[in-house]
PDB file of N, CA and C in Angstrom:
ATOM      1  N   MET A   1       4.491  54.765  24.907  1.00  0.00           N
ATOM      2  CA  MET A   1       5.651  54.454  25.724  1.00  0.00           C
ATOM      3  C   MET A   1       5.650  52.964  26.030  1.00  0.00           C
ATOM      4  N   ASP A   2       6.691  52.296  25.670  1.00  0.00           N
ATOM      5  CA  ASP A   2       6.805  50.866  25.900  1.00  0.00           C
ATOM      6  C   ASP A   2       7.177  50.602  27.348  1.00  0.00           C
ATOM      7  N   ILE A   3       6.506  49.646  27.945  1.00  0.00           N
ATOM      8  CA  ILE A   3       6.743  49.350  29.364  1.00  0.00           C
ATOM      9  C   ILE A   3       8.152  48.796  29.571  1.00  0.00           C
ATOM     10  N   ALA A   4       8.722  48.174  28.564  1.00  0.00           N
ATOM     11  CA  ALA A   4      10.042  47.579  28.720  1.00  0.00           C
ATOM     12  C   ALA A   4      11.170  48.579  28.487  1.00  0.00           C
ATOM     13  N   GLU A   5      10.845  49.784  28.111  1.00  0.00           N
ATOM     14  CA  GLU A   5      11.877  50.791  27.909  1.00  0.00           C
ATOM     15  C   GLU A   5      12.243  51.444  29.233  1.00  0.00           C
ATOM     16  N   PRO A   6      13.486  51.894  29.379  1.00  0.00           N
ATOM     17  CA  PRO A   6      13.889  52.556  30.614  1.00  0.00           C
ATOM     18  C   PRO A   6      13.104  53.839  30.889  1.00  0.00           C
ATOM     19  N   THR A   7      12.457  54.411  29.878  1.00  0.00           N
ATOM     20  CA  THR A   7      11.694  55.635  30.095  1.00  0.00           C
ATOM     21  C   THR A   7      10.471  55.402  30.970  1.00  0.00           C
ATOM     22  N   PHE A   8      10.056  54.152  31.145  1.00  0.00           N
ATOM     23  CA  PHE A   8       8.918  53.836  32.021  1.00  0.00           C
ATOM     24  C   PHE A   8       9.160  54.319  33.442  1.00  0.00           C
ATOM     25  N   VAL A   9      10.397  54.202  33.913  1.00  0.00           N
ATOM     26  CA  VAL A   9      10.684  54.567  35.295  1.00  0.00           C
ATOM     27  C   VAL A   9      11.006  56.045  35.458  1.00  0.00           C
ATOM     28  N   VAL A  10      11.149  56.778  34.368  1.00  0.00           N
ATOM     29  CA  VAL A  10      11.423  58.212  34.468  1.00  0.00           C
ATOM     30  C   VAL A  10      10.172  58.958  34.925  1.00  0.00           C
ATOM     31  N   ARG A  11       9.024  58.512  34.502  1.00  0.00           N
ATOM     32  CA  ARG A  11       7.754  59.136  34.866  1.00  0.00           C
ATOM     33  C   ARG A  11       7.398  58.771  36.311  1.00  0.00           C
ATOM     34  N   PRO A  12       6.957  59.750  37.120  1.00  0.00           N
ATOM     35  CA  PRO A  12       6.549  59.439  38.496  1.00  0.00           C
ATOM     36  C   PRO A  12       5.372  58.459  38.520  1.00  0.00           C
ATOM     37  N   ALA A  13       5.300  57.667  39.563  1.00  0.00           N
ATOM     38  CA  ALA A  13       4.242  56.656  39.651  1.00  0.00           C
ATOM     39  C   ALA A  13       2.857  57.283  39.661  1.00  0.00           C
ATOM     40  N   GLY A  14       2.732  58.477  40.221  1.00  0.00           N
ATOM     41  CA  GLY A  14       1.445  59.154  40.266  1.00  0.00           C
ATOM     42  C   GLY A  14       0.936  59.586  38.904  1.00  0.00           C
ATOM     43  N   ARG A  15       1.799  59.567  37.900  1.00  0.00           N
ATOM     44  CA  ARG A  15       1.395  59.955  36.544  1.00  0.00           C
ATOM     45  C   ARG A  15       1.317  58.755  35.600  1.00  0.00           C
ATOM     46  N   SER A  16       1.455  57.580  36.132  1.00  0.00           N
ATOM     47  CA  SER A  16       1.401  56.372  35.323  1.00  0.00           C
ATOM     48  C   SER A  16       0.015  55.744  35.441  1.00  0.00           C
ATOM     49  N   TYR A  17      -0.618  55.493  34.315  1.00  0.00           N
ATOM     50  CA  TYR A  17      -1.960  54.916  34.373  1.00  0.00           C
ATOM     51  C   TYR A  17      -1.945  53.495  34.925  1.00  0.00           C
ATOM     52  N   HIS A  18      -0.807  52.793  34.818  1.00  0.00           N
ATOM     53  CA  HIS A  18      -0.714  51.453  35.400  1.00  0.00           C
ATOM     54  C   HIS A  18      -0.894  51.529  36.919  1.00  0.00           C
ATOM     55  N   PHE A  19      -0.183  52.452  37.543  1.00  0.00           N
ATOM     56  CA  PHE A  19      -0.269  52.601  38.993  1.00  0.00           C
ATOM     57  C   PHE A  19      -1.623  53.166  39.408  1.00  0.00           C
ATOM     58  N   LEU A  20      -2.129  54.130  38.669  1.00  0.00           N
ATOM     59  CA  LEU A  20      -3.410  54.737  39.027  1.00  0.00           C
ATOM     60  C   LEU A  20      -4.560  53.736  38.905  1.00  0.00           C
ATOM     61  N   ALA A  21      -4.545  52.918  37.860  1.00  0.00           N
ATOM     62  CA  ALA A  21      -5.601  51.918  37.686  1.00  0.00           C
ATOM     63  C   ALA A  21      -5.544  50.866  38.789  1.00  0.00           C
ATOM     64  N   SER A  22      -4.351  50.393  39.107  1.00  0.00           N
ATOM     65  CA  SER A  22      -4.219  49.389  40.173  1.00  0.00           C
ATOM     66  C   SER A  22      -4.619  49.961  41.525  1.00  0.00           C
ATOM     67  N   ALA A  23      -4.193  51.183  41.810  1.00  0.00           N
ATOM     68  CA  ALA A  23      -4.551  51.812  43.082  1.00  0.00           C
ATOM     69  C   ALA A  23      -6.061  52.033  43.175  1.00  0.00           C
ATOM     70  N   SER A  24      -6.684  52.421  42.075  1.00  0.00           N
ATOM     71  CA  SER A  24      -8.138  52.633  42.080  1.00  0.00           C
ATOM     72  C   SER A  24      -8.877  51.325  42.357  1.00  0.00           C
ATOM     73  N   LEU A  25      -8.454  50.257  41.701  1.00  0.00           N
ATOM     74  CA  LEU A  25      -9.089  48.954  41.945  1.00  0.00           C
ATOM     75  C   LEU A  25      -8.919  48.511  43.393  1.00  0.00           C
ATOM     76  N   ILE A  26      -7.761  48.739  43.954  1.00  0.00           N
ATOM     77  CA  ILE A  26      -7.526  48.322  45.332  1.00  0.00           C
ATOM     78  C   ILE A  26      -8.369  49.143  46.302  1.00  0.00           C
ATOM     79  N   VAL A  27      -8.495  50.439  46.063  1.00  0.00           N
ATOM     80  CA  VAL A  27      -9.337  51.277  46.928  1.00  0.00           C
ATOM     81  C   VAL A  27     -10.791  50.817  46.847  1.00  0.00           C
ATOM     82  N   ILE A  28     -11.263  50.527  45.646  1.00  0.00           N
ATOM     83  CA  ILE A  28     -12.633  50.033  45.490  1.00  0.00           C
ATOM     84  C   ILE A  28     -12.802  48.694  46.201  1.00  0.00           C
ATOM     85  N   ASP A  29     -11.804  47.801  46.064  1.00  0.00           N
ATOM     86  CA  ASP A  29     -11.858  46.505  46.747  1.00  0.00           C
ATOM     87  C   ASP A  29     -11.908  46.652  48.260  1.00  0.00           C
ATOM     88  N   VAL A  30     -11.039  47.488  48.797  1.00  0.00           N
ATOM     89  CA  VAL A  30     -11.011  47.663  50.251  1.00  0.00           C
ATOM     90  C   VAL A  30     -12.350  48.208  50.747  1.00  0.00           C
ATOM     91  N   ALA A  31     -12.925  49.154  50.026  1.00  0.00           N
ATOM     92  CA  ALA A  31     -14.230  49.702  50.415  1.00  0.00           C
ATOM     93  C   ALA A  31     -15.325  48.634  50.323  1.00  0.00           C
ATOM     94  N   ALA A  32     -15.289  47.831  49.258  1.00  0.00           N
ATOM     95  CA  ALA A  32     -16.298  46.781  49.089  1.00  0.00           C
ATOM     96  C   ALA A  32     -16.173  45.711  50.163  1.00  0.00           C
ATOM     97  N   VAL A  33     -14.955  45.317  50.475  1.00  0.00           N
ATOM     98  CA  VAL A  33     -14.757  44.309  51.523  1.00  0.00           C
ATOM     99  C   VAL A  33     -15.188  44.860  52.878  1.00  0.00           C
ATOM    100  N   ALA A  34     -14.843  46.110  53.153  1.00  0.00           N
ATOM    101  CA  ALA A  34     -15.257  46.719  54.427  1.00  0.00           C
ATOM    102  C   ALA A  34     -16.780  46.757  54.532  1.00  0.00           C
ATOM    103  N   ALA A  35     -17.455  47.136  53.447  1.00  0.00           N
ATOM    104  CA  ALA A  35     -18.921  47.171  53.468  1.00  0.00           C
ATOM    105  C   ALA A  35     -19.503  45.777  53.654  1.00  0.00           C
ATOM    106  N   LEU A  36     -18.919  44.793  52.970  1.00  0.00           N
ATOM    107  CA  LEU A  36     -19.392  43.424  53.107  1.00  0.00           C
ATOM    108  C   LEU A  36     -19.185  42.903  54.523  1.00  0.00           C
ATOM    109  N   LEU A  37     -18.026  43.176  55.082  1.00  0.00           N
ATOM    110  CA  LEU A  37     -17.747  42.696  56.436  1.00  0.00           C
ATOM    111  C   LEU A  37     -18.658  43.358  57.465  1.00  0.00           C
ATOM    112  N   VAL A  38     -18.943  44.633  57.277  1.00  0.00           N
ATOM    113  CA  VAL A  38     -19.832  45.325  58.224  1.00  0.00           C
ATOM    114  C   VAL A  38     -21.240  44.758  58.134  1.00  0.00           C
ATOM    115  N   ARG A  39     -21.710  44.490  56.915  1.00  0.00           N
ATOM    116  CA  ARG A  39     -23.091  44.002  56.747  1.00  0.00           C
ATOM    117  C   ARG A  39     -23.260  42.538  57.115  1.00  0.00           C
ATOM    118  N   ARG A  40     -22.269  41.701  56.828  1.00  0.00           N
ATOM    119  CA  ARG A  40     -22.458  40.249  56.979  1.00  0.00           C
ATOM    120  C   ARG A  40     -21.447  39.572  57.896  1.00  0.00           C
ATOM    121  N   LEU A  41     -20.863  40.292  58.787  1.00  0.00           N
ATOM    122  CA  LEU A  41     -19.831  39.697  59.641  1.00  0.00           C
ATOM    123  C   LEU A  41     -20.379  38.544  60.476  1.00  0.00           C
ATOM    124  N   ASN A  42     -21.578  38.698  61.010  1.00  0.00           N
ATOM    125  CA  ASN A  42     -22.150  37.651  61.867  1.00  0.00           C
ATOM    126  C   ASN A  42     -22.543  36.399  61.097  1.00  0.00           C
ATOM    127  N   SER A  43     -22.841  36.525  59.819  1.00  0.00           N
ATOM    128  CA  SER A  43     -23.285  35.362  59.052  1.00  0.00           C
ATOM    129  C   SER A  43     -22.153  34.691  58.266  1.00  0.00           C
ATOM    130  N   MET A  44     -20.991  35.313  58.212  1.00  0.00           N
ATOM    131  CA  MET A  44     -19.880  34.738  57.449  1.00  0.00           C
ATOM    132  C   MET A  44     -19.019  33.846  58.346  1.00  0.00           C
ATOM    133  N   PRO A  45     -18.540  32.733  57.805  1.00  0.00           N
ATOM    134  CA  PRO A  45     -17.647  31.878  58.596  1.00  0.00           C
ATOM    135  C   PRO A  45     -16.286  32.554  58.800  1.00  0.00           C
ATOM    136  N   PHE A  46     -15.627  32.182  59.872  1.00  0.00           N
ATOM    137  CA  PHE A  46     -14.346  32.789  60.222  1.00  0.00           C
ATOM    138  C   PHE A  46     -13.295  32.637  59.115  1.00  0.00           C
ATOM    139  N   PRO A  47     -13.161  31.467  58.470  1.00  0.00           N
ATOM    140  CA  PRO A  47     -12.160  31.354  57.395  1.00  0.00           C
ATOM    141  C   PRO A  47     -12.415  32.317  56.230  1.00  0.00           C
ATOM    142  N   ALA A  48     -13.688  32.564  55.914  1.00  0.00           N
ATOM    143  CA  ALA A  48     -13.999  33.491  54.825  1.00  0.00           C
ATOM    144  C   ALA A  48     -13.597  34.919  55.193  1.00  0.00           C
ATOM    145  N   VAL A  49     -13.874  35.315  56.429  1.00  0.00           N
ATOM    146  CA  VAL A  49     -13.494  36.651  56.893  1.00  0.00           C
ATOM    147  C   VAL A  49     -11.979  36.793  56.887  1.00  0.00           C
ATOM    148  N   THR A  50     -11.300  35.786  57.385  1.00  0.00           N
ATOM    149  CA  THR A  50      -9.837  35.807  57.422  1.00  0.00           C
ATOM    150  C   THR A  50      -9.253  35.891  56.009  1.00  0.00           C
ATOM    151  N   ALA A  51      -9.816  35.120  55.084  1.00  0.00           N
ATOM    152  CA  ALA A  51      -9.323  35.138  53.705  1.00  0.00           C
ATOM    153  C   ALA A  51      -9.535  36.505  53.058  1.00  0.00           C
ATOM    154  N   LEU A  52     -10.671  37.130  53.293  1.00  0.00           N
ATOM    155  CA  LEU A  52     -10.931  38.452  52.731  1.00  0.00           C
ATOM    156  C   LEU A  52      -9.968  39.500  53.281  1.00  0.00           C
ATOM    157  N   VAL A  53      -9.765  39.476  54.576  1.00  0.00           N
ATOM    158  CA  VAL A  53      -8.851  40.444  55.195  1.00  0.00           C
ATOM    159  C   VAL A  53      -7.419  40.203  54.719  1.00  0.00           C
ATOM    160  N   ALA A  54      -7.010  38.944  54.641  1.00  0.00           N
ATOM    161  CA  ALA A  54      -5.661  38.622  54.179  1.00  0.00           C
ATOM    162  C   ALA A  54      -5.478  39.036  52.718  1.00  0.00           C
ATOM    163  N   ALA A  55      -6.496  38.830  51.889  1.00  0.00           N
ATOM    164  CA  ALA A  55      -6.413  39.226  50.478  1.00  0.00           C
ATOM    165  C   ALA A  55      -6.232  40.732  50.353  1.00  0.00           C
ATOM    166  N   MET A  56      -6.905  41.483  51.186  1.00  0.00           N
ATOM    167  CA  MET A  56      -6.759  42.941  51.134  1.00  0.00           C
ATOM    168  C   MET A  56      -5.347  43.368  51.520  1.00  0.00           C
ATOM    169  N   PHE A  57      -4.808  42.756  52.564  1.00  0.00           N
ATOM    170  CA  PHE A  57      -3.438  43.088  52.964  1.00  0.00           C
ATOM    171  C   PHE A  57      -2.437  42.730  51.870  1.00  0.00           C
ATOM    172  N   VAL A  58      -2.630  41.599  51.218  1.00  0.00           N
ATOM    173  CA  VAL A  58      -1.713  41.180  50.156  1.00  0.00           C
ATOM    174  C   VAL A  58      -1.798  42.136  48.964  1.00  0.00           C
ATOM    175  N   LEU A  59      -2.992  42.545  48.581  1.00  0.00           N
ATOM    176  CA  LEU A  59      -3.134  43.475  47.462  1.00  0.00           C
ATOM    177  C   LEU A  59      -2.468  44.810  47.753  1.00  0.00           C
ATOM    178  N   VAL A  60      -2.690  45.336  48.948  1.00  0.00           N
ATOM    179  CA  VAL A  60      -2.070  46.615  49.315  1.00  0.00           C
ATOM    180  C   VAL A  60      -0.554  46.460  49.387  1.00  0.00           C
ATOM    181  N   TRP A  61      -0.074  45.337  49.912  1.00  0.00           N
ATOM    182  CA  TRP A  61       1.368  45.099  50.007  1.00  0.00           C
ATOM    183  C   TRP A  61       1.999  45.024  48.610  1.00  0.00           C
ATOM    184  N   CYS A  62       1.328  44.344  47.673  1.00  0.00           N
ATOM    185  CA  CYS A  62       1.863  44.238  46.301  1.00  0.00           C
ATOM    186  C   CYS A  62       1.965  45.609  45.638  1.00  0.00           C
ATOM    187  N   LEU A  63       0.941  46.434  45.816  1.00  0.00           N
ATOM    188  CA  LEU A  63       0.989  47.765  45.231  1.00  0.00           C
ATOM    189  C   LEU A  63       2.088  48.595  45.873  1.00  0.00           C
ATOM    190  N   ARG A  64       2.223  48.505  47.176  1.00  0.00           N
ATOM    191  CA  ARG A  64       3.275  49.256  47.877  1.00  0.00           C
ATOM    192  C   ARG A  64       4.662  48.799  47.432  1.00  0.00           C
ATOM    193  N   LEU A  65       4.835  47.508  47.243  1.00  0.00           N
ATOM    194  CA  LEU A  65       6.111  46.969  46.777  1.00  0.00           C
ATOM    195  C   LEU A  65       6.433  47.473  45.367  1.00  0.00           C
ATOM    196  N   ALA A  66       5.442  47.498  44.488  1.00  0.00           N
ATOM    197  CA  ALA A  66       5.659  48.006  43.128  1.00  0.00           C
ATOM    198  C   ALA A  66       6.020  49.487  43.152  1.00  0.00           C
ATOM    199  N   LEU A  67       5.334  50.263  43.988  1.00  0.00           N
ATOM    200  CA  LEU A  67       5.649  51.686  44.091  1.00  0.00           C
ATOM    201  C   LEU A  67       7.061  51.907  44.622  1.00  0.00           C
ATOM    202  N   SER A  68       7.439  51.138  45.618  1.00  0.00           N
ATOM    203  CA  SER A  68       8.770  51.261  46.205  1.00  0.00           C
ATOM    204  C   SER A  68       9.861  50.930  45.179  1.00  0.00           C
ATOM    205  N   ASN A  69       9.682  49.839  44.452  1.00  0.00           N
ATOM    206  CA  ASN A  69      10.669  49.462  43.434  1.00  0.00           C
ATOM    207  C   ASN A  69      10.708  50.472  42.299  1.00  0.00           C
ATOM    208  N   HIS A  70       9.569  51.004  41.935  1.00  0.00           N
ATOM    209  CA  HIS A  70       9.527  52.019  40.885  1.00  0.00           C
ATOM    210  C   HIS A  70      10.309  53.255  41.310  1.00  0.00           C
ATOM    211  N   GLU A  71      10.154  53.688  42.534  1.00  0.00           N
ATOM    212  CA  GLU A  71      10.877  54.867  43.013  1.00  0.00           C
ATOM    213  C   GLU A  71      12.381  54.621  43.091  1.00  0.00           C
ATOM    214  N   ARG A  72      12.783  53.407  43.482  1.00  0.00           N
ATOM    215  CA  ARG A  72      14.215  53.075  43.505  1.00  0.00           C
ATOM    216  C   ARG A  72      14.806  53.115  42.102  1.00  0.00           C
ATOM    217  N   LEU A  73      14.096  52.530  41.161  1.00  0.00           N
ATOM    218  CA  LEU A  73      14.576  52.548  39.769  1.00  0.00           C
ATOM    219  C   LEU A  73      14.595  53.957  39.214  1.00  0.00           C
ATOM    220  N   ARG A  74      13.620  54.748  39.578  1.00  0.00           N
ATOM    221  CA  ARG A  74      13.577  56.139  39.122  1.00  0.00           C
ATOM    222  C   ARG A  74      14.782  56.916  39.640  1.00  0.00           C
ATOM    223  N   ALA A  75      15.128  56.701  40.910  1.00  0.00           N
ATOM    224  CA  ALA A  75      16.301  57.357  41.481  1.00  0.00           C
ATOM    225  C   ALA A  75      17.575  56.889  40.769  1.00  0.00           C
ATOM    226  N   PHE A  76      17.642  55.595  40.454  1.00  0.00           N
ATOM    227  CA  PHE A  76      18.797  55.063  39.742  1.00  0.00           C
ATOM    228  C   PHE A  76      18.936  55.704  38.369  1.00  0.00           C
ATOM    229  N   VAL A  77      17.840  55.833  37.646  1.00  0.00           N
ATOM    230  CA  VAL A  77      17.874  56.433  36.312  1.00  0.00           C
ATOM    231  C   VAL A  77      18.289  57.896  36.400  1.00  0.00           C
ATOM    232  N   GLN A  78      17.790  58.616  37.379  1.00  0.00           N
ATOM    233  CA  GLN A  78      18.155  60.023  37.520  1.00  0.00           C
ATOM    234  C   GLN A  78      19.633  60.179  37.846  1.00  0.00           C
ATOM    235  N   ASN A  79      20.214  59.242  38.594  1.00  0.00           N
ATOM    236  CA  ASN A  79      21.646  59.289  38.894  1.00  0.00           C
ATOM    237  C   ASN A  79      22.496  58.940  37.676  1.00  0.00           C
ATOM    238  N   GLN A  80      21.961  58.172  36.757  1.00  0.00           N
ATOM    239  CA  GLN A  80      22.711  57.729  35.583  1.00  0.00           C
ATOM    240  C   GLN A  80      22.543  58.655  34.384  1.00  0.00           C
ATOM    241  N   GLU A  81      21.760  59.721  34.500  1.00  0.00           N
ATOM    242  CA  GLU A  81      21.471  60.570  33.343  1.00  0.00           C
ATOM    243  C   GLU A  81      22.710  61.214  32.741  1.00  0.00           C
ATOM    244  N   GLY A  82      23.693  61.591  33.547  1.00  0.00           N
ATOM    245  CA  GLY A  82      24.873  62.262  33.029  1.00  0.00           C
ATOM    246  C   GLY A  82      25.849  61.343  32.333  1.00  0.00           C
ATOM    247  N   SER A  83      25.779  60.050  32.599  1.00  0.00           N
ATOM    248  CA  SER A  83      26.748  59.126  32.017  1.00  0.00           C
ATOM    249  C   SER A  83      26.188  58.455  30.759  1.00  0.00           C
ATOM    250  N   ALA A  84      27.089  57.802  30.035  1.00  0.00           N
ATOM    251  CA  ALA A  84      26.687  57.084  28.822  1.00  0.00           C
ATOM    252  C   ALA A  84      25.850  55.865  29.219  1.00  0.00           C
ATOM    253  N   PRO A  85      24.856  55.511  28.392  1.00  0.00           N
ATOM    254  CA  PRO A  85      24.025  54.358  28.727  1.00  0.00           C
ATOM    255  C   PRO A  85      24.837  53.065  28.743  1.00  0.00           C
ATOM    256  N   ASN A  86      24.685  52.330  29.805  1.00  0.00           N
ATOM    257  CA  ASN A  86      25.361  51.061  29.980  1.00  0.00           C
ATOM    258  C   ASN A  86      24.380  49.958  29.579  1.00  0.00           C
ATOM    259  N   SER A  87      24.820  49.026  28.742  1.00  0.00           N
ATOM    260  CA  SER A  87      23.907  47.983  28.266  1.00  0.00           C
ATOM    261  C   SER A  87      23.402  47.111  29.416  1.00  0.00           C
ATOM    262  N   THR A  88      24.232  46.906  30.429  1.00  0.00           N
ATOM    263  CA  THR A  88      23.806  46.123  31.583  1.00  0.00           C
ATOM    264  C   THR A  88      22.725  46.863  32.356  1.00  0.00           C
ATOM    265  N   ALA A  89      22.901  48.157  32.537  1.00  0.00           N
ATOM    266  CA  ALA A  89      21.905  48.955  33.262  1.00  0.00           C
ATOM    267  C   ALA A  89      20.599  49.001  32.482  1.00  0.00           C
ATOM    268  N   VAL A  90      20.671  49.135  31.174  1.00  0.00           N
ATOM    269  CA  VAL A  90      19.457  49.170  30.352  1.00  0.00           C
ATOM    270  C   VAL A  90      18.736  47.831  30.438  1.00  0.00           C
ATOM    271  N   ALA A  91      19.472  46.736  30.386  1.00  0.00           N
ATOM    272  CA  ALA A  91      18.861  45.415  30.500  1.00  0.00           C
ATOM    273  C   ALA A  91      18.209  45.236  31.865  1.00  0.00           C
ATOM    274  N   MET A  92      18.881  45.715  32.913  1.00  0.00           N
ATOM    275  CA  MET A  92      18.317  45.619  34.255  1.00  0.00           C
ATOM    276  C   MET A  92      17.040  46.448  34.371  1.00  0.00           C
ATOM    277  N   LEU A  93      17.047  47.645  33.810  1.00  0.00           N
ATOM    278  CA  LEU A  93      15.864  48.495  33.863  1.00  0.00           C
ATOM    279  C   LEU A  93      14.693  47.861  33.109  1.00  0.00           C
ATOM    280  N   ARG A  94      14.973  47.272  31.977  1.00  0.00           N
ATOM    281  CA  ARG A  94      13.905  46.604  31.230  1.00  0.00           C
ATOM    282  C   ARG A  94      13.329  45.445  32.020  1.00  0.00           C
ATOM    283  N   ALA A  95      14.203  44.668  32.652  1.00  0.00           N
ATOM    284  CA  ALA A  95      13.729  43.532  33.436  1.00  0.00           C
ATOM    285  C   ALA A  95      12.880  43.996  34.620  1.00  0.00           C
ATOM    286  N   TRP A  96      13.339  45.000  35.347  1.00  0.00           N
ATOM    287  CA  TRP A  96      12.589  45.503  36.499  1.00  0.00           C
ATOM    288  C   TRP A  96      11.280  46.148  36.064  1.00  0.00           C
ATOM    289  N   ALA A  97      11.308  46.889  34.962  1.00  0.00           N
ATOM    290  CA  ALA A  97      10.073  47.500  34.469  1.00  0.00           C
ATOM    291  C   ALA A  97       9.058  46.422  34.091  1.00  0.00           C
ATOM    292  N   SER A  98       9.522  45.357  33.468  1.00  0.00           N
ATOM    293  CA  SER A  98       8.626  44.254  33.119  1.00  0.00           C
ATOM    294  C   SER A  98       8.070  43.575  34.364  1.00  0.00           C
ATOM    295  N   LEU A  99       8.911  43.380  35.378  1.00  0.00           N
ATOM    296  CA  LEU A  99       8.442  42.784  36.630  1.00  0.00           C
ATOM    297  C   LEU A  99       7.410  43.664  37.321  1.00  0.00           C
ATOM    298  N   ILE A 100       7.670  44.953  37.358  1.00  0.00           N
ATOM    299  CA  ILE A 100       6.720  45.876  37.990  1.00  0.00           C
ATOM    300  C   ILE A 100       5.395  45.858  37.233  1.00  0.00           C
ATOM    301  N   HIS A 101       5.482  45.908  35.906  1.00  0.00           N
ATOM    302  CA  HIS A 101       4.258  45.895  35.107  1.00  0.00           C
ATOM    303  C   HIS A 101       3.490  44.592  35.320  1.00  0.00           C
ATOM    304  N   GLY A 102       4.193  43.473  35.335  1.00  0.00           N
ATOM    305  CA  GLY A 102       3.532  42.189  35.573  1.00  0.00           C
ATOM    306  C   GLY A 102       2.889  42.133  36.943  1.00  0.00           C
ATOM    307  N   GLY A 103       3.578  42.657  37.947  1.00  0.00           N
ATOM    308  CA  GLY A 103       3.010  42.692  39.293  1.00  0.00           C
ATOM    309  C   GLY A 103       1.775  43.567  39.371  1.00  0.00           C
ATOM    310  N   LEU A 104       1.822  44.713  38.713  1.00  0.00           N
ATOM    311  CA  LEU A 104       0.645  45.586  38.692  1.00  0.00           C
ATOM    312  C   LEU A 104      -0.523  44.919  37.964  1.00  0.00           C
ATOM    313  N   PHE A 105      -0.219  44.227  36.869  1.00  0.00           N
ATOM    314  CA  PHE A 105      -1.274  43.533  36.132  1.00  0.00           C
ATOM    315  C   PHE A 105      -1.913  42.455  36.997  1.00  0.00           C
ATOM    316  N   LEU A 106      -1.087  41.648  37.661  1.00  0.00           N
ATOM    317  CA  LEU A 106      -1.630  40.580  38.506  1.00  0.00           C
ATOM    318  C   LEU A 106      -2.395  41.144  39.702  1.00  0.00           C
ATOM    319  N   THR A 107      -1.901  42.248  40.268  1.00  0.00           N
ATOM    320  CA  THR A 107      -2.612  42.877  41.373  1.00  0.00           C
ATOM    321  C   THR A 107      -3.969  43.393  40.908  1.00  0.00           C
ATOM    322  N   GLY A 108      -3.992  44.039  39.760  1.00  0.00           N
ATOM    323  CA  GLY A 108      -5.255  44.518  39.210  1.00  0.00           C
ATOM    324  C   GLY A 108      -6.200  43.379  38.871  1.00  0.00           C
ATOM    325  N   LEU A 109      -5.663  42.301  38.327  1.00  0.00           N
ATOM    326  CA  LEU A 109      -6.479  41.134  37.998  1.00  0.00           C
ATOM    327  C   LEU A 109      -7.068  40.521  39.267  1.00  0.00           C
ATOM    328  N   ALA A 110      -6.242  40.362  40.288  1.00  0.00           N
ATOM    329  CA  ALA A 110      -6.728  39.813  41.557  1.00  0.00           C
ATOM    330  C   ALA A 110      -7.791  40.715  42.174  1.00  0.00           C
ATOM    331  N   ALA A 111      -7.581  42.022  42.096  1.00  0.00           N
ATOM    332  CA  ALA A 111      -8.563  42.957  42.635  1.00  0.00           C
ATOM    333  C   ALA A 111      -9.882  42.853  41.867  1.00  0.00           C
ATOM    334  N   GLY A 112      -9.796  42.758  40.555  1.00  0.00           N
ATOM    335  CA  GLY A 112     -11.013  42.608  39.755  1.00  0.00           C
ATOM    336  C   GLY A 112     -11.755  41.317  40.048  1.00  0.00           C
ATOM    337  N   LEU A 113     -11.011  40.220  40.176  1.00  0.00           N
ATOM    338  CA  LEU A 113     -11.645  38.939  40.497  1.00  0.00           C
ATOM    339  C   LEU A 113     -12.271  38.966  41.885  1.00  0.00           C
ATOM    340  N   LEU A 114     -11.606  39.613  42.820  1.00  0.00           N
ATOM    341  CA  LEU A 114     -12.173  39.727  44.158  1.00  0.00           C
ATOM    342  C   LEU A 114     -13.450  40.565  44.133  1.00  0.00           C
ATOM    343  N   LEU A 115     -13.458  41.620  43.323  1.00  0.00           N
ATOM    344  CA  LEU A 115     -14.686  42.409  43.182  1.00  0.00           C
ATOM    345  C   LEU A 115     -15.822  41.578  42.600  1.00  0.00           C
ATOM    346  N   LEU A 116     -15.513  40.748  41.609  1.00  0.00           N
ATOM    347  CA  LEU A 116     -16.550  39.868  41.052  1.00  0.00           C
ATOM    348  C   LEU A 116     -17.070  38.896  42.100  1.00  0.00           C
ATOM    349  N   ALA A 117     -16.169  38.332  42.904  1.00  0.00           N
ATOM    350  CA  ALA A 117     -16.588  37.422  43.961  1.00  0.00           C
ATOM    351  C   ALA A 117     -17.460  38.139  44.998  1.00  0.00           C
ATOM    352  N   LEU A 118     -17.069  39.368  45.334  1.00  0.00           N
ATOM    353  CA  LEU A 118     -17.866  40.138  46.294  1.00  0.00           C
ATOM    354  C   LEU A 118     -19.244  40.467  45.725  1.00  0.00           C
ATOM    355  N   LEU A 119     -19.291  40.790  44.454  1.00  0.00           N
ATOM    356  CA  LEU A 119     -20.573  41.074  43.809  1.00  0.00           C
ATOM    357  C   LEU A 119     -21.463  39.837  43.838  1.00  0.00           C
ATOM    358  N   GLN A 120     -20.874  38.697  43.561  1.00  0.00           N
ATOM    359  CA  GLN A 120     -21.621  37.448  43.590  1.00  0.00           C
ATOM    360  C   GLN A 120     -22.125  37.118  44.994  1.00  0.00           C
ATOM    361  N   MET A 121     -21.269  37.395  46.000  1.00  0.00           N
ATOM    362  CA  MET A 121     -21.665  37.138  47.387  1.00  0.00           C
ATOM    363  C   MET A 121     -22.773  38.102  47.832  1.00  0.00           C
ATOM    364  N   SER A 122     -22.734  39.311  47.355  1.00  0.00           N
ATOM    365  CA  SER A 122     -23.742  40.287  47.777  1.00  0.00           C
ATOM    366  C   SER A 122     -25.105  39.979  47.180  1.00  0.00           C
ATOM    367  N   LYS A 123     -25.152  39.246  46.077  1.00  0.00           N
ATOM    368  CA  LYS A 123     -26.423  38.874  45.459  1.00  0.00           C
ATOM    369  C   LYS A 123     -27.104  37.710  46.170  1.00  0.00           C
ATOM    370  N   THR A 124     -26.344  36.941  46.912  1.00  0.00           N
ATOM    371  CA  THR A 124     -26.934  35.774  47.576  1.00  0.00           C
ATOM    372  C   THR A 124     -27.472  36.106  48.925  1.00  0.00           C
TER     373      THR A 124
END
């Protein structure tokens, strides 16, 4: 299934490996950050703690935004099923699907990089 095809939004987000992989990385990140903060809160500088907490909120917000947009597009596609495909609607769906996929990729990448940073910090 091509991510740029309108069929990407027909499948529920819970059945898409893009969403499941990003959500899994974020859950692992939140757990790792929570464990790090509990163990080293007294030894970490305030800006580092603030940056970690802010990064977690941003990652969760990005995933929530992607899920919300995916559900809106899914509702739009379901409403358009009875009518003939409109080239403008298909172009819009491809653009939104690409944006959602790019956002999920960047969120997953950021989560992975944060996990690497946390792993490096835990070794020191």
